[in-house]
Amino acid sequence: MSCSPGRKYPLHCAAAGGPGGCRPSGAVPGEKAISHNTWIHRIARVAVRPLVGTAVTPNHLTTLRLATGVAAAGALAVGASPWQHVGAAIFVVSLVLDRADGELARLAGKTSPWGHTYDLIADAAADALVFVGLGVGLREGALGQWAIPMGMAAGVAVAAIFWLVMRIEAVEGERAAELPGIAGFDVDDSILIVPVAVWLGGSLPLLVAAAIGAPAFAVFFVWVLRRRRAAAGRREH
C-alpha cells in the first residue's frame, strides 16, 4: 500500500521519511501511524530505484503483484511438494511487489488516487486467492474436503477486510484505516506468516487459524467502521 503525498496529505507524508510513517487525517495524536519505512519497504525501495525515469509505472508493478499472487495460489493449490514451497516463494515475491509499487510511485512522483485503489484491489485478490489455494492444496490431508471451504472462508474474509478498508477511507479519507506498525513491521506484514508456515510444514494449522482469525478480524473492522461512521455523524452535527 502506498502513500499519496500529492493528493490529500502532503504535510503528513512529507514527514514520513523516518520510521514514524505517514499519518492519516483522524489519527490519534501521539499514536504511531503505519510506517512506509519498514524492512520490506526498504528492500523494495532499493529494487525499484533503477526504474525511476523508465517506462515502468507503479501500476505495472501492481499488475505484476496481482499476477504473482495468482501464480502463488495456483502452486499452493497443487498441494504436493515441491509446489507448495514454490508457491510460498512466489508469494514472497508478490509481497515485495506490493511494497514496490508504492515505493516507485513516491520516488517517481507518480502517486494517484486510482493507483492507491488499484493497489488495494490487487492486494485483496492476491491475498484472498492464496488462502483459497492453500485450502484446495490441503484437501487430501487431515481436514479432507473441509479444507476447501475453510480456505474459501479465510479468503472471503480477507477480501472483506480490504473492502472495509476502502469503506473507512471513503468516510475519513485515504489511509485512515491503517493501523500502527512496530519494530520495522506493519500490521499487514503479518501475511508473511503464510510462506514461513508453508516452508516449516505448518500449512494445516495455518489454514485453521486463518479460517477462524480472518473472519474474526473482519468483524472487528465492521465494528471500527461503525464507530467511525458514528463519530463522523457526531462531527457533522
Protein backbone atom coordinates (compact mmCIF):
# COMPACT_ATOMS: atom_id res chain seq x y z
CA MET A 1 0.00 0.00 0.00
CA SER A 2 1.40 3.34 -0.95
CA CYS A 3 1.11 6.82 0.48
CA SER A 4 -0.35 9.56 -1.72
CA PRO A 5 1.61 12.71 -0.84
CA GLY A 6 0.49 14.56 -3.92
CA ARG A 7 -3.18 14.17 -3.13
CA LYS A 8 -4.54 14.70 0.36
CA TYR A 9 -1.76 14.58 2.92
CA PRO A 10 1.32 16.44 1.64
CA LEU A 11 2.42 17.61 5.08
CA HIS A 12 1.84 14.30 6.80
CA CYS A 13 3.55 12.29 4.07
CA ALA A 14 6.48 14.67 3.76
CA ALA A 15 7.34 13.75 7.33
CA ALA A 16 7.14 10.04 6.57
CA GLY A 17 10.77 9.61 5.62
CA GLY A 18 11.59 8.16 9.02
CA PRO A 19 10.14 5.17 10.87
CA GLY A 20 7.19 7.21 12.11
CA GLY A 21 5.35 6.76 8.83
CA CYS A 22 2.52 8.64 7.17
CA ARG A 23 -0.19 9.89 9.49
CA PRO A 24 -3.69 9.96 8.01
CA SER A 25 -6.26 12.50 9.00
CA GLY A 26 -8.14 11.47 12.10
CA ALA A 27 -5.12 9.70 13.60
CA VAL A 28 -4.86 9.96 17.35
CA PRO A 29 -2.17 12.47 18.41
CA GLY A 30 0.88 10.66 19.72
CA GLU A 31 -0.14 7.38 18.08
CA LYS A 32 2.47 5.91 15.77
CA ALA A 33 0.93 5.63 12.31
CA ILE A 34 1.70 2.87 9.88
CA SER A 35 5.24 3.13 8.53
CA HIS A 36 6.45 3.46 4.97
CA ASN A 37 9.97 2.62 6.03
CA THR A 38 9.55 -1.00 7.10
CA TRP A 39 12.11 -3.66 6.25
CA ILE A 40 10.11 -4.75 3.21
CA HIS A 41 9.73 -1.14 2.07
CA ARG A 42 13.50 -0.66 2.31
CA ILE A 43 14.18 -3.76 0.21
CA ALA A 44 11.59 -2.67 -2.37
CA ARG A 45 12.98 0.88 -2.46
CA VAL A 46 16.44 -0.35 -3.41
CA ALA A 47 14.98 -2.68 -6.04
CA VAL A 48 12.83 -0.07 -7.79
CA ARG A 49 15.23 2.87 -7.72
CA PRO A 50 16.72 1.91 -11.13
CA LEU A 51 13.19 2.01 -12.58
CA VAL A 52 12.72 5.73 -11.84
CA GLY A 53 12.60 7.62 -15.14
CA THR A 54 11.87 4.49 -17.18
CA ALA A 55 8.66 3.42 -18.92
CA VAL A 56 7.80 1.16 -15.97
CA THR A 57 4.94 2.60 -13.92
CA PRO A 58 3.69 1.78 -10.42
CA ASN A 59 0.57 0.23 -11.94
CA HIS A 60 2.78 -2.16 -13.93
CA LEU A 61 4.23 -3.39 -10.65
CA THR A 62 0.77 -3.63 -9.10
CA THR A 63 -0.34 -5.81 -12.02
CA LEU A 64 2.75 -7.98 -11.55
CA ARG A 65 1.93 -8.19 -7.84
CA LEU A 66 -1.53 -9.49 -8.73
CA ALA A 67 -0.17 -11.95 -11.31
CA THR A 68 2.38 -13.41 -8.90
CA GLY A 69 -0.31 -13.68 -6.23
CA VAL A 70 -2.48 -15.70 -8.60
CA ALA A 71 0.52 -17.86 -9.56
CA ALA A 72 1.32 -18.48 -5.90
CA ALA A 73 -2.27 -19.53 -5.23
CA GLY A 74 -2.17 -21.91 -8.20
CA ALA A 75 1.05 -23.53 -6.99
CA LEU A 76 -0.30 -23.92 -3.46
CA ALA A 77 -3.48 -25.48 -4.85
CA VAL A 78 -1.47 -28.35 -6.36
CA GLY A 79 -0.79 -29.47 -2.82
CA ALA A 80 2.08 -31.82 -3.46
CA SER A 81 5.69 -30.94 -2.73
CA PRO A 82 7.61 -29.08 -4.12
CA TRP A 83 4.70 -26.99 -5.44
CA GLN A 84 3.69 -25.71 -2.01
CA HIS A 85 7.21 -24.46 -1.39
CA VAL A 86 7.34 -22.93 -4.86
CA GLY A 87 4.02 -21.20 -4.21
CA ALA A 88 5.32 -19.81 -0.92
CA ALA A 89 8.42 -18.42 -2.67
CA ILE A 90 6.33 -16.80 -5.40
CA PHE A 91 4.12 -15.25 -2.74
CA VAL A 92 7.15 -13.65 -1.06
CA VAL A 93 7.96 -12.02 -4.41
CA SER A 94 4.35 -10.88 -4.62
CA LEU A 95 4.59 -9.28 -1.18
CA VAL A 96 7.74 -7.38 -2.12
CA LEU A 97 5.99 -6.16 -5.26
CA ASP A 98 3.13 -4.95 -3.05
CA ARG A 99 5.60 -2.54 -1.45
CA ALA A 100 7.50 -1.87 -4.67
CA ASP A 101 4.62 -0.19 -6.49
CA GLY A 102 4.19 2.37 -3.75
CA GLU A 103 7.92 2.98 -3.46
CA LEU A 104 8.19 3.59 -7.20
CA ALA A 105 5.18 5.92 -7.05
CA ARG A 106 6.79 8.00 -4.32
CA LEU A 107 10.28 8.06 -5.84
CA ALA A 108 8.99 8.93 -9.33
CA GLY A 109 6.28 11.33 -8.16
CA LYS A 110 3.56 9.20 -9.74
CA THR A 111 1.17 8.75 -6.82
CA SER A 112 -2.53 8.90 -7.63
CA PRO A 113 -5.89 8.06 -6.01
CA TRP A 114 -6.55 5.43 -8.69
CA GLY A 115 -3.15 3.84 -8.11
CA HIS A 116 -3.96 3.54 -4.41
CA THR A 117 -7.35 1.97 -5.15
CA TYR A 118 -5.86 -0.43 -7.71
CA ASP A 119 -3.24 -1.39 -5.13
CA LEU A 120 -5.95 -2.28 -2.60
CA ILE A 121 -7.89 -4.32 -5.16
CA ALA A 122 -4.77 -6.23 -6.21
CA ASP A 123 -3.84 -6.86 -2.57
CA ALA A 124 -7.31 -8.14 -1.78
CA ALA A 125 -7.38 -10.51 -4.75
CA ALA A 126 -3.84 -11.84 -4.28
CA ASP A 127 -4.07 -12.40 -0.53
CA ALA A 128 -7.56 -13.90 -0.69
CA LEU A 129 -6.66 -16.30 -3.51
CA VAL A 130 -3.59 -17.53 -1.64
CA PHE A 131 -5.78 -18.79 1.20
CA VAL A 132 -8.19 -20.38 -1.26
CA GLY A 133 -5.24 -22.09 -2.97
CA LEU A 134 -3.90 -23.25 0.39
CA GLY A 135 -7.24 -24.82 1.24
CA VAL A 136 -7.52 -26.58 -2.11
CA GLY A 137 -3.97 -27.89 -1.74
CA LEU A 138 -4.75 -29.42 1.67
CA ARG A 139 -7.87 -31.28 0.52
CA GLU A 140 -6.05 -34.63 0.69
CA GLY A 141 -4.79 -34.01 4.23
CA ALA A 142 -6.25 -34.44 7.71
CA LEU A 143 -9.03 -31.91 7.08
CA GLY A 144 -10.17 -33.66 3.92
CA GLN A 145 -12.60 -31.75 1.72
CA TRP A 146 -13.31 -29.38 4.62
CA ALA A 147 -10.03 -27.68 3.79
CA ILE A 148 -11.58 -26.15 0.67
CA PRO A 149 -14.45 -24.25 2.35
CA MET A 150 -12.06 -23.28 5.17
CA GLY A 151 -9.69 -21.75 2.64
CA MET A 152 -12.60 -20.01 0.95
CA ALA A 153 -13.85 -18.66 4.28
CA ALA A 154 -10.42 -17.20 5.03
CA GLY A 155 -10.14 -15.78 1.51
CA VAL A 156 -13.57 -14.16 1.55
CA ALA A 157 -12.82 -12.66 4.98
CA VAL A 158 -9.52 -11.22 3.72
CA ALA A 159 -11.29 -9.69 0.72
CA ALA A 160 -13.98 -8.31 3.05
CA ILE A 161 -11.31 -6.67 5.22
CA PHE A 162 -9.89 -4.86 2.20
CA TRP A 163 -13.39 -3.79 1.17
CA LEU A 164 -13.96 -2.44 4.67
CA VAL A 165 -10.66 -0.56 4.46
CA MET A 166 -11.94 1.17 1.34
CA ARG A 167 -15.23 1.97 3.08
CA ILE A 168 -13.41 3.51 6.05
CA GLU A 169 -11.28 5.56 3.67
CA ALA A 170 -14.45 6.76 1.96
CA VAL A 171 -15.60 8.11 5.33
CA GLU A 172 -12.34 9.53 6.68
CA GLY A 173 -10.06 9.82 3.66
CA GLU A 174 -7.14 7.90 2.19
CA ARG A 175 -5.05 5.82 4.62
CA ALA A 176 -7.47 6.42 7.50
CA ALA A 177 -7.88 2.67 8.07
CA GLU A 178 -4.20 1.97 8.58
CA LEU A 179 -3.03 0.53 11.88
CA PRO A 180 0.20 1.23 13.80
CA GLY A 181 3.41 -0.60 12.97
CA ILE A 182 6.23 -1.68 15.28
CA ALA A 183 9.90 -2.73 15.08
CA GLY A 184 10.12 -2.13 11.34
CA PHE A 185 6.99 -4.14 10.51
CA ASP A 186 3.45 -3.09 9.64
CA VAL A 187 0.34 -4.97 10.74
CA ASP A 188 -0.24 -6.21 7.20
CA ASP A 189 3.31 -7.66 7.17
CA SER A 190 1.77 -10.46 9.25
CA ILE A 191 0.84 -12.06 5.92
CA LEU A 192 4.49 -13.19 5.83
CA ILE A 193 3.36 -15.92 8.20
CA VAL A 194 1.88 -17.71 5.19
CA PRO A 195 5.11 -18.57 3.33
CA VAL A 196 7.02 -19.15 6.57
CA ALA A 197 4.38 -21.59 7.83
CA VAL A 198 4.34 -23.42 4.50
CA TRP A 199 8.13 -23.80 4.48
CA LEU A 200 8.10 -25.06 8.08
CA GLY A 201 5.39 -27.63 7.38
CA GLY A 202 2.66 -25.73 9.22
CA SER A 203 0.18 -25.31 6.38
CA LEU A 204 -2.64 -27.14 8.14
CA PRO A 205 -2.57 -25.18 11.44
CA LEU A 206 -2.14 -22.02 9.38
CA LEU A 207 -5.34 -22.78 7.47
CA VAL A 208 -7.26 -23.49 10.67
CA ALA A 209 -6.02 -20.25 12.25
CA ALA A 210 -6.84 -18.25 9.11
CA ALA A 211 -10.34 -19.75 8.82
CA ILE A 212 -11.05 -18.57 12.37
CA GLY A 213 -8.90 -15.45 12.64
CA ALA A 214 -9.64 -13.75 9.31
CA PRO A 215 -13.44 -13.68 9.80
CA ALA A 216 -12.91 -12.51 13.40
CA PHE A 217 -10.70 -9.67 12.18
CA ALA A 218 -13.31 -8.78 9.53
CA VAL A 219 -15.92 -8.49 12.30
CA PHE A 220 -13.51 -6.22 14.19
CA PHE A 221 -13.21 -3.99 11.13
CA VAL A 222 -17.01 -3.80 10.85
CA TRP A 223 -17.03 -2.54 14.44
CA VAL A 224 -14.33 0.01 13.61
CA LEU A 225 -16.28 1.19 10.55
CA ARG A 226 -19.45 1.65 12.57
CA ARG A 227 -17.63 3.57 15.27
CA ARG A 228 -16.02 5.88 12.71
CA ARG A 229 -19.30 6.45 10.93
CA ALA A 230 -20.93 7.33 14.25
CA ALA A 231 -18.07 9.70 15.09
CA ALA A 232 -18.31 11.31 11.64
CA GLY A 233 -22.05 11.81 12.16
CA ARG A 234 -21.47 13.50 15.52
CA ARG A 235 -18.89 15.85 13.98
CA GLU A 236 -21.35 16.87 11.27
CA HIS A 237 -23.90 17.84 13.91
